Amino acid sequence: MKHQPDSPARIDSFAASRGHIWAPDASRSAIAELQRAAKVRQPADEQAERRRFGDEQAHVLLVADPQQPGARDVARRALDEAMDGALNAVPWNPELDVDAEARLRRRLKQLFVDSNRALAPSAPASLTMAFVRWPMLFLVHAGNNRAFLVRDGETFQLTRDHTIAQQMVDAGRIDAPDEYGDELQERCWNGVGGRKPVEPELCDRELQPGDSVVLCSPRLGRALDHETIGEVVRGAADARSACDALLAHASADRGTIAVARLHEQQPQAAHVIDGPRADRGRDRKPRPRTAKAKAVAAVGRRRSANA
């Protein structure tokens, strides 16, 4: 089966946080639009550089949350490592056939393994990535962040908590994850950056215009019920309004939330940006032309005059 982006959706996305967002052990979020790009330089004009940008190839939402209090910068470092991996995971082929989709799945899971290796040994972080390659959503997850899909007024949780509490529920030892309060719900057996190998969990969904994807750090995810998430997202004017309203409804004192809303849109053609080379800076004067370049230009002017 091929997933072909015939009518790509416009994605409106935003992320927001509550609490001490600049604290070293705060949760973190990131949003990226990944697209093809090319730097074009022409030998006849050494000073000019053209940048060509194609259509958006993927849209990425990331939320990271440290699993231990006082774990300095682990969430930020986890985001950096995951974003580098996501950038290199984007397939160039516009069609996702069975083989291409399988390769993308392996790359997305591998980037969690690589991130874990780069960060370890350190305090672990919960990391959740929503990788949208229209029309497919690939969700990769380790820890106790939560991800939801809102469609036609219904909210579906896409992630499973990798916590001791959830393990006890699955084993039939307790009836609900919150039976012993928050303590067991915050103790994770899986994450990125710990001393143990990470076990990334991946699921996928085929998206449609009108869908919304919501990522929450653990406390916010537990503070918001499915009905509230669906009502707020459906009634919000845009992704930013949805984030603000969800934070207002949540009882948690800190956390991070990211929302992506999908709207119908026709594909955009590639466009060109002309300007100075990025490594020279906009305000620097052009480099003097070499003697060889001046001689070539003079010959060209003489030929034009004699024509």
C-alpha atoms as a PDB file:
ATOM      1  CA  MET A   1       0.000   0.000   0.000  1.00  0.00           C
ATOM      2  CA  LYS A   2       1.309   3.462  -0.876  1.00  0.00           C
ATOM      3  CA  HIS A   3       0.634   6.585   1.164  1.00  0.00           C
ATOM      4  CA  GLN A   4       0.814   9.418  -1.339  1.00  0.00           C
ATOM      5  CA  PRO A   5       0.506  13.085  -0.216  1.00  0.00           C
ATOM      6  CA  ASP A   6      -1.967  14.137  -2.937  1.00  0.00           C
ATOM      7  CA  SER A   7      -3.688  16.762  -0.769  1.00  0.00           C
ATOM      8  CA  PRO A   8      -1.331  17.623   2.091  1.00  0.00           C
ATOM      9  CA  ALA A   9      -2.826  19.252   5.143  1.00  0.00           C
ATOM     10  CA  ARG A  10      -1.765  22.594   6.555  1.00  0.00           C
ATOM     11  CA  ILE A  11      -0.578  21.993  10.095  1.00  0.00           C
ATOM     12  CA  ASP A  12      -1.139  24.657  12.725  1.00  0.00           C
ATOM     13  CA  SER A  13       0.990  23.829  15.771  1.00  0.00           C
ATOM     14  CA  PHE A  14       1.974  25.402  19.053  1.00  0.00           C
ATOM     15  CA  ALA A  15       3.510  24.409  22.396  1.00  0.00           C
ATOM     16  CA  ALA A  16       3.302  26.017  25.830  1.00  0.00           C
ATOM     17  CA  SER A  17       4.470  25.352  29.376  1.00  0.00           C
ATOM     18  CA  ARG A  18       3.423  26.126  32.926  1.00  0.00           C
ATOM     19  CA  GLY A  19       5.636  26.533  35.983  1.00  0.00           C
ATOM     20  CA  HIS A  20       9.350  27.291  36.129  1.00  0.00           C
ATOM     21  CA  ILE A  21       9.921  26.793  32.430  1.00  0.00           C
ATOM     22  CA  TRP A  22      13.548  27.975  32.517  1.00  0.00           C
ATOM     23  CA  ALA A  23      14.530  25.708  35.392  1.00  0.00           C
ATOM     24  CA  PRO A  24      17.186  23.110  34.437  1.00  0.00           C
ATOM     25  CA  ASP A  25      14.849  20.257  35.377  1.00  0.00           C
ATOM     26  CA  ALA A  26      11.764  21.635  33.594  1.00  0.00           C
ATOM     27  CA  SER A  27       9.970  19.774  30.835  1.00  0.00           C
ATOM     28  CA  ARG A  28      10.698  20.884  27.293  1.00  0.00           C
ATOM     29  CA  SER A  29       8.984  20.912  23.895  1.00  0.00           C
ATOM     30  CA  ALA A  30       9.998  21.500  20.297  1.00  0.00           C
ATOM     31  CA  ILE A  31       8.203  21.869  16.971  1.00  0.00           C
ATOM     32  CA  ALA A  32       9.840  21.592  13.548  1.00  0.00           C
ATOM     33  CA  GLU A  33       8.752  21.778   9.934  1.00  0.00           C
ATOM     34  CA  LEU A  34      11.107  19.611   7.891  1.00  0.00           C
ATOM     35  CA  GLN A  35      11.412  20.371   4.187  1.00  0.00           C
ATOM     36  CA  ARG A  36      13.780  19.846   1.316  1.00  0.00           C
ATOM     37  CA  ALA A  37      16.252  22.653   0.794  1.00  0.00           C
ATOM     38  CA  ALA A  38      19.114  23.345  -1.590  1.00  0.00           C
ATOM     39  CA  LYS A  39      21.855  25.980  -1.680  1.00  0.00           C
ATOM     40  CA  VAL A  40      22.543  26.971  -5.284  1.00  0.00           C
ATOM     41  CA  ARG A  41      25.787  28.802  -6.129  1.00  0.00           C
ATOM     42  CA  GLN A  42      26.804  29.843  -9.624  1.00  0.00           C
ATOM     43  CA  PRO A  43      30.480  30.205 -10.623  1.00  0.00           C
ATOM     44  CA  ALA A  44      29.735  33.346 -12.640  1.00  0.00           C
ATOM     45  CA  ASP A  45      28.605  35.180  -9.530  1.00  0.00           C
ATOM     46  CA  GLU A  46      30.587  34.198  -6.461  1.00  0.00           C
ATOM     47  CA  GLN A  47      28.763  36.593  -4.151  1.00  0.00           C
ATOM     48  CA  ALA A  48      25.214  35.375  -4.771  1.00  0.00           C
ATOM     49  CA  GLU A  49      23.550  32.368  -3.304  1.00  0.00           C
ATOM     50  CA  ARG A  50      20.087  31.045  -4.028  1.00  0.00           C
ATOM     51  CA  ARG A  51      18.191  28.888  -1.644  1.00  0.00           C
ATOM     52  CA  ARG A  52      15.435  26.719  -2.984  1.00  0.00           C
ATOM     53  CA  PHE A  53      12.835  25.271  -0.662  1.00  0.00           C
ATOM     54  CA  GLY A  54      10.441  22.507  -1.619  1.00  0.00           C
ATOM     55  CA  ASP A  55       7.229  21.378   0.039  1.00  0.00           C
ATOM     56  CA  GLU A  56       7.179  20.435   3.687  1.00  0.00           C
ATOM     57  CA  GLN A  57       8.199  16.788   4.035  1.00  0.00           C
ATOM     58  CA  ALA A  58       7.335  16.205   7.678  1.00  0.00           C
ATOM     59  CA  HIS A  59       6.109  17.997  10.779  1.00  0.00           C
ATOM     60  CA  VAL A  60       7.512  17.044  14.177  1.00  0.00           C
ATOM     61  CA  LEU A  61       6.288  17.651  17.733  1.00  0.00           C
ATOM     62  CA  LEU A  62       8.440  16.643  20.684  1.00  0.00           C
ATOM     63  CA  VAL A  63       7.851  16.691  24.430  1.00  0.00           C
ATOM     64  CA  ALA A  64      10.510  15.648  26.966  1.00  0.00           C
ATOM     65  CA  ASP A  65      10.158  15.494  30.747  1.00  0.00           C
ATOM     66  CA  PRO A  66      12.821  14.544  33.312  1.00  0.00           C
ATOM     67  CA  GLN A  67      11.862  11.489  35.338  1.00  0.00           C
ATOM     68  CA  GLN A  68      13.811  12.541  38.428  1.00  0.00           C
ATOM     69  CA  PRO A  69      13.690  15.881  40.281  1.00  0.00           C
ATOM     70  CA  GLY A  70      16.836  17.944  39.862  1.00  0.00           C
ATOM     71  CA  ALA A  71      17.934  16.179  36.641  1.00  0.00           C
ATOM     72  CA  ARG A  72      19.690  19.123  34.998  1.00  0.00           C
ATOM     73  CA  ASP A  73      19.112  19.732  31.300  1.00  0.00           C
ATOM     74  CA  VAL A  74      18.227  16.121  30.529  1.00  0.00           C
ATOM     75  CA  ALA A  75      14.969  17.129  28.809  1.00  0.00           C
ATOM     76  CA  ARG A  76      16.687  19.765  26.664  1.00  0.00           C
ATOM     77  CA  ARG A  77      19.464  17.375  25.676  1.00  0.00           C
ATOM     78  CA  ALA A  78      16.947  14.658  24.825  1.00  0.00           C
ATOM     79  CA  LEU A  79      15.102  17.081  22.528  1.00  0.00           C
ATOM     80  CA  ASP A  80      18.320  18.106  20.772  1.00  0.00           C
ATOM     81  CA  GLU A  81      19.356  14.521  20.111  1.00  0.00           C
ATOM     82  CA  ALA A  82      15.884  13.504  18.911  1.00  0.00           C
ATOM     83  CA  MET A  83      15.535  16.514  16.594  1.00  0.00           C
ATOM     84  CA  ASP A  84      18.867  15.736  14.926  1.00  0.00           C
ATOM     85  CA  GLY A  85      17.686  12.188  14.353  1.00  0.00           C
ATOM     86  CA  ALA A  86      14.305  13.317  12.999  1.00  0.00           C
ATOM     87  CA  LEU A  87      15.977  15.606  10.482  1.00  0.00           C
ATOM     88  CA  ASN A  88      17.977  12.709   9.056  1.00  0.00           C
ATOM     89  CA  ALA A  89      14.996  10.343   9.088  1.00  0.00           C
ATOM     90  CA  VAL A  90      12.907  12.258   6.533  1.00  0.00           C
ATOM     91  CA  PRO A  91      12.475  10.136   3.373  1.00  0.00           C
ATOM     92  CA  TRP A  92      13.061  11.893   0.046  1.00  0.00           C
ATOM     93  CA  ASN A  93      10.576   9.816  -1.899  1.00  0.00           C
ATOM     94  CA  PRO A  94       7.177  11.596  -1.903  1.00  0.00           C
ATOM     95  CA  GLU A  95       5.424   8.216  -1.729  1.00  0.00           C
ATOM     96  CA  LEU A  96       5.547   5.985   1.323  1.00  0.00           C
ATOM     97  CA  ASP A  97       5.309   2.446   0.009  1.00  0.00           C
ATOM     98  CA  VAL A  98       5.629  -0.582   2.245  1.00  0.00           C
ATOM     99  CA  ASP A  99       9.438  -0.656   2.120  1.00  0.00           C
ATOM    100  CA  ALA A 100       9.832   3.110   2.646  1.00  0.00           C
ATOM    101  CA  GLU A 101       7.422   3.054   5.581  1.00  0.00           C
ATOM    102  CA  ALA A 102       9.309   0.151   7.157  1.00  0.00           C
ATOM    103  CA  ARG A 103      12.605   2.045   6.805  1.00  0.00           C
ATOM    104  CA  LEU A 104      11.078   5.157   8.359  1.00  0.00           C
ATOM    105  CA  ARG A 105       9.771   3.132  11.302  1.00  0.00           C
ATOM    106  CA  ARG A 106      13.230   1.670  11.907  1.00  0.00           C
ATOM    107  CA  ARG A 107      14.873   5.085  11.709  1.00  0.00           C
ATOM    108  CA  LEU A 108      12.432   6.675  14.146  1.00  0.00           C
ATOM    109  CA  LYS A 109      12.892   3.911  16.706  1.00  0.00           C
ATOM    110  CA  GLN A 110      16.648   3.957  16.165  1.00  0.00           C
ATOM    111  CA  LEU A 111      16.856   7.680  16.881  1.00  0.00           C
ATOM    112  CA  PHE A 112      15.510   6.949  20.378  1.00  0.00           C
ATOM    113  CA  VAL A 113      18.190   4.280  20.801  1.00  0.00           C
ATOM    114  CA  ASP A 114      20.871   6.684  19.560  1.00  0.00           C
ATOM    115  CA  SER A 115      19.593   9.454  21.850  1.00  0.00           C
ATOM    116  CA  ASN A 116      19.709   7.093  24.810  1.00  0.00           C
ATOM    117  CA  ARG A 117      23.283   6.148  23.959  1.00  0.00           C
ATOM    118  CA  ALA A 118      24.339   9.801  23.586  1.00  0.00           C
ATOM    119  CA  LEU A 119      22.789  10.857  26.907  1.00  0.00           C
ATOM    120  CA  ALA A 120      23.656   7.875  29.092  1.00  0.00           C
ATOM    121  CA  PRO A 121      24.551   7.543  31.804  1.00  0.00           C
ATOM    122  CA  SER A 122      22.372  10.274  33.181  1.00  0.00           C
ATOM    123  CA  ALA A 123      18.968  10.653  34.760  1.00  0.00           C
ATOM    124  CA  PRO A 124      16.342   9.380  32.278  1.00  0.00           C
ATOM    125  CA  ALA A 125      13.718  11.510  30.559  1.00  0.00           C
ATOM    126  CA  SER A 126      10.340  10.654  29.123  1.00  0.00           C
ATOM    127  CA  LEU A 127      10.384  11.449  25.409  1.00  0.00           C
ATOM    128  CA  THR A 128       7.471  11.440  22.971  1.00  0.00           C
ATOM    129  CA  MET A 129       7.641  12.325  19.284  1.00  0.00           C
ATOM    130  CA  ALA A 130       4.773  12.877  16.845  1.00  0.00           C
ATOM    131  CA  PHE A 131       6.228  12.592  13.337  1.00  0.00           C
ATOM    132  CA  VAL A 132       3.641  13.589  10.716  1.00  0.00           C
ATOM    133  CA  ARG A 133       4.413  12.511   7.180  1.00  0.00           C
ATOM    134  CA  TRP A 134       1.084  13.228   5.544  1.00  0.00           C
ATOM    135  CA  PRO A 135      -1.215  11.380   5.709  1.00  0.00           C
ATOM    136  CA  MET A 136       0.517   9.242   8.339  1.00  0.00           C
ATOM    137  CA  LEU A 137       1.248   9.945  11.981  1.00  0.00           C
ATOM    138  CA  PHE A 138       4.131   7.970  13.473  1.00  0.00           C
ATOM    139  CA  LEU A 139       4.208   8.260  17.246  1.00  0.00           C
ATOM    140  CA  VAL A 140       7.350   7.138  19.100  1.00  0.00           C
ATOM    141  CA  HIS A 141       7.274   7.030  22.882  1.00  0.00           C
ATOM    142  CA  ALA A 142       9.309   6.103  25.944  1.00  0.00           C
ATOM    143  CA  GLY A 143       8.223   7.029  29.470  1.00  0.00           C
ATOM    144  CA  ASN A 144       5.026   8.522  30.858  1.00  0.00           C
ATOM    145  CA  ASN A 145       4.216  11.486  28.628  1.00  0.00           C
ATOM    146  CA  ARG A 146       0.835  11.097  26.949  1.00  0.00           C
ATOM    147  CA  ALA A 147      -0.322  11.587  23.366  1.00  0.00           C
ATOM    148  CA  PHE A 148      -3.895  11.929  22.142  1.00  0.00           C
ATOM    149  CA  LEU A 149      -5.692  12.039  18.807  1.00  0.00           C
ATOM    150  CA  VAL A 150      -8.834  14.196  18.660  1.00  0.00           C
ATOM    151  CA  ARG A 151     -11.173  13.306  15.792  1.00  0.00           C
ATOM    152  CA  ASP A 152     -14.825  14.206  15.259  1.00  0.00           C
ATOM    153  CA  GLY A 153     -15.203  15.243  18.896  1.00  0.00           C
ATOM    154  CA  GLU A 154     -13.725  12.022  20.295  1.00  0.00           C
ATOM    155  CA  THR A 155     -10.375  11.734  22.071  1.00  0.00           C
ATOM    156  CA  PHE A 156      -8.187   8.641  21.793  1.00  0.00           C
ATOM    157  CA  GLN A 157      -5.080   8.060  23.900  1.00  0.00           C
ATOM    158  CA  LEU A 158      -2.273   6.781  21.673  1.00  0.00           C
ATOM    159  CA  THR A 159       0.393   6.077  24.291  1.00  0.00           C
ATOM    160  CA  ARG A 160       0.724   3.656  27.164  1.00  0.00           C
ATOM    161  CA  ASP A 161       2.369   4.747  30.407  1.00  0.00           C
ATOM    162  CA  HIS A 162       5.712   3.009  30.941  1.00  0.00           C
ATOM    163  CA  THR A 163       5.308   3.180  34.722  1.00  0.00           C
ATOM    164  CA  ILE A 164       5.346   0.817  37.680  1.00  0.00           C
ATOM    165  CA  ALA A 165       1.695   1.674  38.309  1.00  0.00           C
ATOM    166  CA  GLN A 166       0.638   0.633  34.809  1.00  0.00           C
ATOM    167  CA  GLN A 167       2.635  -2.594  35.102  1.00  0.00           C
ATOM    168  CA  MET A 168       0.738  -3.413  38.301  1.00  0.00           C
ATOM    169  CA  VAL A 169      -2.582  -2.696  36.567  1.00  0.00           C
ATOM    170  CA  ASP A 170      -1.611  -4.947  33.647  1.00  0.00           C
ATOM    171  CA  ALA A 171      -0.654  -7.701  36.112  1.00  0.00           C
ATOM    172  CA  GLY A 172      -3.996  -7.390  37.946  1.00  0.00           C
ATOM    173  CA  ARG A 173      -2.364  -6.346  41.230  1.00  0.00           C
ATOM    174  CA  ILE A 174      -4.252  -3.017  41.425  1.00  0.00           C
ATOM    175  CA  ASP A 175      -7.413  -1.780  39.750  1.00  0.00           C
ATOM    176  CA  ALA A 176      -6.284   1.721  38.668  1.00  0.00           C
ATOM    177  CA  PRO A 177      -2.923   3.458  38.191  1.00  0.00           C
ATOM    178  CA  ASP A 178      -3.801   6.151  40.740  1.00  0.00           C
ATOM    179  CA  GLU A 179      -4.714   3.681  43.483  1.00  0.00           C
ATOM    180  CA  TYR A 180      -1.554   4.571  45.408  1.00  0.00           C
ATOM    181  CA  GLY A 181      -1.442   8.227  44.407  1.00  0.00           C
ATOM    182  CA  ASP A 182       1.121   9.841  42.120  1.00  0.00           C
ATOM    183  CA  GLU A 183       4.238   8.078  43.376  1.00  0.00           C
ATOM    184  CA  LEU A 184       3.943   4.890  41.337  1.00  0.00           C
ATOM    185  CA  GLN A 185       2.630   6.840  38.334  1.00  0.00           C
ATOM    186  CA  GLU A 186       5.862   8.853  38.261  1.00  0.00           C
ATOM    187  CA  ARG A 187       8.204   5.877  38.582  1.00  0.00           C
ATOM    188  CA  CYS A 188       9.112   4.768  35.047  1.00  0.00           C
ATOM    189  CA  TRP A 189      10.814   1.616  33.867  1.00  0.00           C
ATOM    190  CA  ASN A 190      11.517   3.081  30.408  1.00  0.00           C
ATOM    191  CA  GLY A 191      13.057   6.349  29.225  1.00  0.00           C
ATOM    192  CA  VAL A 192      15.830   8.037  27.258  1.00  0.00           C
ATOM    193  CA  GLY A 193      19.179   8.712  28.890  1.00  0.00           C
ATOM    194  CA  GLY A 194      19.095   6.209  31.739  1.00  0.00           C
ATOM    195  CA  ARG A 195      21.495   3.388  32.476  1.00  0.00           C
ATOM    196  CA  LYS A 196      19.157   0.802  30.925  1.00  0.00           C
ATOM    197  CA  PRO A 197      18.554   0.324  27.188  1.00  0.00           C
ATOM    198  CA  VAL A 198      15.519   2.248  25.989  1.00  0.00           C
ATOM    199  CA  GLU A 199      12.542   0.338  24.568  1.00  0.00           C
ATOM    200  CA  PRO A 200      10.810   2.791  22.196  1.00  0.00           C
ATOM    201  CA  GLU A 201       7.174   2.042  21.465  1.00  0.00           C
ATOM    202  CA  LEU A 202       5.838   3.072  18.038  1.00  0.00           C
ATOM    203  CA  CYS A 203       2.285   3.291  16.763  1.00  0.00           C
ATOM    204  CA  ASP A 204       0.815   4.880  13.656  1.00  0.00           C
ATOM    205  CA  ARG A 205      -2.480   6.352  12.500  1.00  0.00           C
ATOM    206  CA  GLU A 206      -3.691   7.573   9.130  1.00  0.00           C
ATOM    207  CA  LEU A 207      -4.720  11.184   9.606  1.00  0.00           C
ATOM    208  CA  GLN A 208      -7.424  13.233   7.954  1.00  0.00           C
ATOM    209  CA  PRO A 209      -8.161  16.976   7.787  1.00  0.00           C
ATOM    210  CA  GLY A 210      -9.828  18.122  10.988  1.00  0.00           C
ATOM    211  CA  ASP A 211      -7.723  15.866  13.241  1.00  0.00           C
ATOM    212  CA  SER A 212      -5.694  17.249  16.139  1.00  0.00           C
ATOM    213  CA  VAL A 213      -2.694  15.684  17.885  1.00  0.00           C
ATOM    214  CA  VAL A 214      -1.994  16.576  21.520  1.00  0.00           C
ATOM    215  CA  LEU A 215       1.185  15.759  23.478  1.00  0.00           C
ATOM    216  CA  CYS A 216       1.320  16.288  27.259  1.00  0.00           C
ATOM    217  CA  SER A 217       4.017  15.940  29.873  1.00  0.00           C
ATOM    218  CA  PRO A 218       3.041  13.465  32.633  1.00  0.00           C
ATOM    219  CA  ARG A 219       1.324  15.721  35.175  1.00  0.00           C
ATOM    220  CA  LEU A 220      -0.730  17.535  32.555  1.00  0.00           C
ATOM    221  CA  GLY A 221      -1.629  14.264  30.866  1.00  0.00           C
ATOM    222  CA  ARG A 222      -3.027  12.899  34.127  1.00  0.00           C
ATOM    223  CA  ALA A 223      -4.799  16.175  35.000  1.00  0.00           C
ATOM    224  CA  LEU A 224      -6.799  16.331  31.747  1.00  0.00           C
ATOM    225  CA  ASP A 225      -9.543  13.835  30.989  1.00  0.00           C
ATOM    226  CA  HIS A 226     -10.455  12.793  27.463  1.00  0.00           C
ATOM    227  CA  GLU A 227     -13.696  14.729  27.380  1.00  0.00           C
ATOM    228  CA  THR A 228     -12.017  17.992  28.380  1.00  0.00           C
ATOM    229  CA  ILE A 229      -9.283  17.584  25.784  1.00  0.00           C
ATOM    230  CA  GLY A 230     -11.823  16.953  23.025  1.00  0.00           C
ATOM    231  CA  GLU A 231     -14.081  19.866  23.975  1.00  0.00           C
ATOM    232  CA  VAL A 232     -11.233  22.357  24.367  1.00  0.00           C
ATOM    233  CA  VAL A 233      -9.446  21.448  21.151  1.00  0.00           C
ATOM    234  CA  ARG A 234     -12.668  21.383  19.143  1.00  0.00           C
ATOM    235  CA  GLY A 235     -13.729  24.790  20.433  1.00  0.00           C
ATOM    236  CA  ALA A 236     -10.376  26.549  20.106  1.00  0.00           C
ATOM    237  CA  ALA A 237      -9.700  28.929  17.215  1.00  0.00           C
ATOM    238  CA  ASP A 238      -6.151  27.679  16.664  1.00  0.00           C
ATOM    239  CA  ALA A 239      -3.403  25.565  18.205  1.00  0.00           C
ATOM    240  CA  ARG A 240      -2.164  28.379  20.431  1.00  0.00           C
ATOM    241  CA  SER A 241      -5.630  28.968  21.858  1.00  0.00           C
ATOM    242  CA  ALA A 242      -5.994  25.236  22.448  1.00  0.00           C
ATOM    243  CA  CYS A 243      -2.713  25.098  24.405  1.00  0.00           C
ATOM    244  CA  ASP A 244      -3.662  28.081  26.551  1.00  0.00           C
ATOM    245  CA  ALA A 245      -7.134  26.678  27.275  1.00  0.00           C
ATOM    246  CA  LEU A 246      -5.824  23.209  28.145  1.00  0.00           C
ATOM    247  CA  LEU A 247      -3.275  24.696  30.554  1.00  0.00           C
ATOM    248  CA  ALA A 248      -6.080  26.731  32.142  1.00  0.00           C
ATOM    249  CA  HIS A 249      -8.212  23.605  32.628  1.00  0.00           C
ATOM    250  CA  ALA A 250      -5.398  21.467  34.065  1.00  0.00           C
ATOM    251  CA  SER A 251      -4.862  21.323  37.823  1.00  0.00           C
ATOM    252  CA  ALA A 252      -1.147  20.484  37.490  1.00  0.00           C
ATOM    253  CA  ASP A 253       1.254  23.148  38.723  1.00  0.00           C
ATOM    254  CA  ARG A 254       3.801  22.582  35.969  1.00  0.00           C
ATOM    255  CA  GLY A 255       4.192  20.836  32.641  1.00  0.00           C
ATOM    256  CA  THR A 256       4.297  21.169  28.876  1.00  0.00           C
ATOM    257  CA  ILE A 257       1.709  20.660  26.165  1.00  0.00           C
ATOM    258  CA  ALA A 258       1.935  20.675  22.359  1.00  0.00           C
ATOM    259  CA  VAL A 259      -0.957  20.737  19.897  1.00  0.00           C
ATOM    260  CA  ALA A 260      -1.061  20.242  16.118  1.00  0.00           C
ATOM    261  CA  ARG A 261      -4.261  20.846  14.129  1.00  0.00           C
ATOM    262  CA  LEU A 262      -4.634  19.691  10.542  1.00  0.00           C
ATOM    263  CA  HIS A 263      -6.486  21.728   7.906  1.00  0.00           C
ATOM    264  CA  GLU A 264      -7.012  21.167   4.193  1.00  0.00           C
ATOM    265  CA  GLN A 265      -4.511  22.897   1.936  1.00  0.00           C
ATOM    266  CA  GLN A 266      -3.252  22.593  -1.616  1.00  0.00           C
ATOM    267  CA  PRO A 267       0.466  21.888  -2.082  1.00  0.00           C
ATOM    268  CA  GLN A 268       2.757  24.882  -2.524  1.00  0.00           C
ATOM    269  CA  ALA A 269       5.297  25.153  -5.322  1.00  0.00           C
ATOM    270  CA  ALA A 270       8.974  25.438  -4.564  1.00  0.00           C
ATOM    271  CA  HIS A 271      10.146  28.987  -4.078  1.00  0.00           C
ATOM    272  CA  VAL A 272      13.492  30.776  -4.376  1.00  0.00           C
ATOM    273  CA  ILE A 273      15.142  33.143  -1.929  1.00  0.00           C
ATOM    274  CA  ASP A 274      17.981  35.257  -3.347  1.00  0.00           C
ATOM    275  CA  GLY A 275      20.499  36.744  -0.985  1.00  0.00           C
ATOM    276  CA  PRO A 276      24.058  36.761   0.289  1.00  0.00           C
ATOM    277  CA  ARG A 277      25.693  33.567   1.430  1.00  0.00           C
ATOM    278  CA  ALA A 278      24.639  32.657   4.920  1.00  0.00           C
ATOM    279  CA  ASP A 279      28.211  32.405   6.225  1.00  0.00           C
ATOM    280  CA  ARG A 280      29.032  35.947   5.099  1.00  0.00           C
ATOM    281  CA  GLY A 281      26.222  37.766   6.927  1.00  0.00           C
ATOM    282  CA  ARG A 282      23.804  40.280   5.533  1.00  0.00           C
ATOM    283  CA  ASP A 283      25.713  43.399   6.643  1.00  0.00           C
ATOM    284  CA  ARG A 284      29.179  42.521   5.371  1.00  0.00           C
ATOM    285  CA  LYS A 285      30.529  44.084   2.197  1.00  0.00           C
ATOM    286  CA  PRO A 286      31.097  41.800  -0.795  1.00  0.00           C
ATOM    287  CA  ARG A 287      34.587  40.365  -1.152  1.00  0.00           C
ATOM    288  CA  PRO A 288      36.719  42.193  -3.791  1.00  0.00           C
ATOM    289  CA  ARG A 289      36.759  40.371  -7.107  1.00  0.00           C
ATOM    290  CA  THR A 290      39.949  38.559  -8.021  1.00  0.00           C
ATOM    291  CA  ALA A 291      42.207  39.641 -10.872  1.00  0.00           C
ATOM    292  CA  LYS A 292      41.117  36.624 -12.892  1.00  0.00           C
ATOM    293  CA  ALA A 293      37.442  37.483 -12.427  1.00  0.00           C
ATOM    294  CA  LYS A 294      38.076  41.108 -13.445  1.00  0.00           C
ATOM    295  CA  ALA A 295      39.880  39.971 -16.605  1.00  0.00           C
ATOM    296  CA  VAL A 296      37.033  37.637 -17.570  1.00  0.00           C
ATOM    297  CA  ALA A 297      34.509  40.445 -17.052  1.00  0.00           C
ATOM    298  CA  ALA A 298      36.576  42.847 -19.177  1.00  0.00           C
ATOM    299  CA  VAL A 299      36.707  40.347 -22.057  1.00  0.00           C
ATOM    300  CA  GLY A 300      32.964  39.933 -21.844  1.00  0.00           C
ATOM    301  CA  ARG A 301      32.381  43.699 -22.006  1.00  0.00           C
ATOM    302  CA  ARG A 302      34.647  44.045 -25.062  1.00  0.00           C
ATOM    303  CA  ARG A 303      32.818  41.239 -26.855  1.00  0.00           C
ATOM    304  CA  SER A 304      29.480  42.917 -26.104  1.00  0.00           C
ATOM    305  CA  ALA A 305      30.755  46.242 -27.433  1.00  0.00           C
ATOM    306  CA  ASN A 306      32.021  44.664 -30.685  1.00  0.00           C
ATOM    307  CA  ALA A 307      28.856  42.704 -31.300  1.00  0.00           C
END
